[in-house]
Amino acid sequence: MPQLNPAPWFAILAFSWLVFLTVIPPKVLAHSFPNEPSSHSAEQPKTESWNWPWH
């Protein structure tokens, strides 16, 4: 039964992981996100207190 011989399957497994770890991460890390967070100003917005009467 050739499927029980681990020699070719281990080589295929090792080569496929080598491809995954060398080719795919740079491609994923090269993506740029269109909605980069921008730095907000340190000034707090002016808020007015509510002058509603309490009932």
Protein backbone atom coordinates (compact mmCIF):
# COMPACT_ATOMS: atom_id res chain seq x y z
CA MET A 1 0.00 0.00 0.00
CA PRO A 2 1.91 3.09 -1.18
CA GLN A 3 -0.08 5.53 0.95
CA LEU A 4 1.61 4.13 4.06
CA ASN A 5 5.06 5.08 2.82
CA PRO A 6 5.76 8.42 4.60
CA ALA A 7 8.72 9.46 2.46
CA PRO A 8 6.95 11.24 -0.45
CA TRP A 9 4.13 12.62 1.70
CA PHE A 10 6.51 14.18 4.22
CA ALA A 11 8.43 15.86 1.40
CA ILE A 12 5.16 17.20 -0.06
CA LEU A 13 4.09 18.44 3.37
CA ALA A 14 7.44 20.12 4.03
CA PHE A 15 7.52 21.75 0.58
CA SER A 16 3.96 23.00 0.83
CA TRP A 17 4.66 24.59 4.25
CA LEU A 18 7.81 26.13 2.85
CA VAL A 19 5.76 27.69 0.06
CA PHE A 20 3.08 28.87 2.48
CA LEU A 21 5.59 30.47 4.84
CA THR A 22 7.70 32.17 2.19
CA VAL A 23 5.23 33.26 -0.50
CA ILE A 24 1.94 34.02 1.19
CA PRO A 25 2.92 36.25 4.20
CA PRO A 26 4.67 38.93 2.10
CA LYS A 27 1.64 39.05 -0.20
CA VAL A 28 -0.71 39.48 2.74
CA LEU A 29 1.48 42.10 4.42
CA ALA A 30 1.77 44.09 1.19
CA HIS A 31 -1.91 45.03 1.25
CA SER A 32 -2.70 48.62 2.10
CA PHE A 33 -5.87 49.51 3.91
CA PRO A 34 -7.86 52.44 2.46
CA ASN A 35 -9.20 53.58 5.83
CA GLU A 36 -6.02 54.33 7.71
CA PRO A 37 -6.77 55.95 11.06
CA SER A 38 -5.79 59.59 11.04
CA SER A 39 -4.44 61.35 14.09
CA HIS A 40 -7.05 63.54 15.73
CA SER A 41 -6.24 66.88 17.23
CA ALA A 42 -5.65 66.99 20.98
CA GLU A 43 -8.21 69.79 21.34
CA GLN A 44 -11.41 68.58 22.95
CA PRO A 45 -14.65 69.68 21.29
CA LYS A 46 -16.63 72.38 23.09
CA THR A 47 -19.71 70.88 24.67
CA GLU A 48 -22.58 72.81 26.13
CA SER A 49 -24.44 71.59 29.18
CA TRP A 50 -28.11 70.77 28.85
CA ASN A 51 -30.41 73.28 30.43
CA TRP A 52 -33.53 71.14 30.37
CA PRO A 53 -35.81 71.46 33.37
CA TRP A 54 -36.18 68.34 35.51
CA HIS A 55 -39.75 67.24 36.24
